[in-house]
């Protein structure tokens, strides 16, 4: 089988027994360093993606993928918007809502977002019915003026199912005594737990018609949409808004939670850059091993030059040898990273059981495990970065080898 001379010699140097075992040790250290860097980076990226996906899913369980709201006034033709959304095959569900800031008063006072919903339609756009820990979503009957609170919000207010809270809404009404905020006493009929602090502590739900009566409004804030593919949220909402008469404002889940998603993405990027330094350390070790190998093989290089091997050929010999070390380290790191990622939860439980500790206590963290989401793009990028660093690490030693003068190298041989 045809094999170029530089490749054959580079492979021979890789597997040959060297007289200087210290060089072999440094080469092995290079392989281990690159493998550890790749393994840690793959696992960390998978964990970061897992946390990002878990937080996103928990948040989107209680909010819509997209919303269509009227511009500057209540949305009165919301039934037409819901019917039009249902005809779109990309839409999984649509429901109207009213949203207003309010101050809830019980034994203590806490601000919250009060949302008016239709219990029959809300289950098509959120999973609040599945997150009820006390009571049920069906308790929001029209005319009963019941309210459902998040678990953290109920604890902070000091109320439970069967108690009453007074809602002071952020809308004023004219009275003989002047402008006064609209207030209404609601009966707590249920408590939910979404597993996301911003929702559990800052959201309350009432019946849509009840809140309309309190606000004396003949419309809703807008229409929520749940999609089969949430990445198409903005496009689907825009198409719906264009099909309706009048001006409407369109928003999707990436805009509603922009700060959260941008911060998660930035954390993942920064963590990836920092952990790439581990791979760089392995690459620097590879430079050391290659420089020592070039020094050890001065006589061999001189003989190859006298036999007609060009400087470029000498350079290729050591580039092949160093690149193969990087390839071996990257492959081992790839296999180790995939194995560690898929067994990370078991490792966590083993550490907790062995040392009798709780690494992620449920009373402190909402996410008590280590969710992983291995993205093929992240794995491919990690492998490419490791191979590129290993290749660049071979350039300087190979260039030094190509500059070897045969006469000087063989002077004392």
Foldseek 3Di string as FASTA:
>chain_A
DDDDPLLVLLVCVQPPDDPDVVLVVLLVLLLQLLLVLLQVLLQVLQLLVQVLVVQVVLVQQQAFQKWKFADPAFDQVQVVLQVVQVVDPFFQAKWFKAWFWKWKAAVHIDIAIEMATALVRVVRGHPQQVFWPFAGSVVQDPPQQAKEAFPQQCVVNVDDQQDKIKIFTPDWDQDPVGTDTQIDIHGYRTYGYSLDVCRRRHYMYHHNVVVCVSVVHNHHRTMGTHGPDSVCQQVSNVVSQVVDPHDIDMDGPCVVPVVVSVVSVVVSVVVSVVSVVSLLVSLLSLLVSLLVVLVVCLQVLLVVVVVPQALVSLLSNQLSNQLVSLVSSLVSSLVSNVVCNVCVQVVQVVVCVVVVHQPQDVVVHSDRTRGTDRDPVSSVVSSVSSSVSSSVSSNVSSNVSSPRDSCVSPVPD
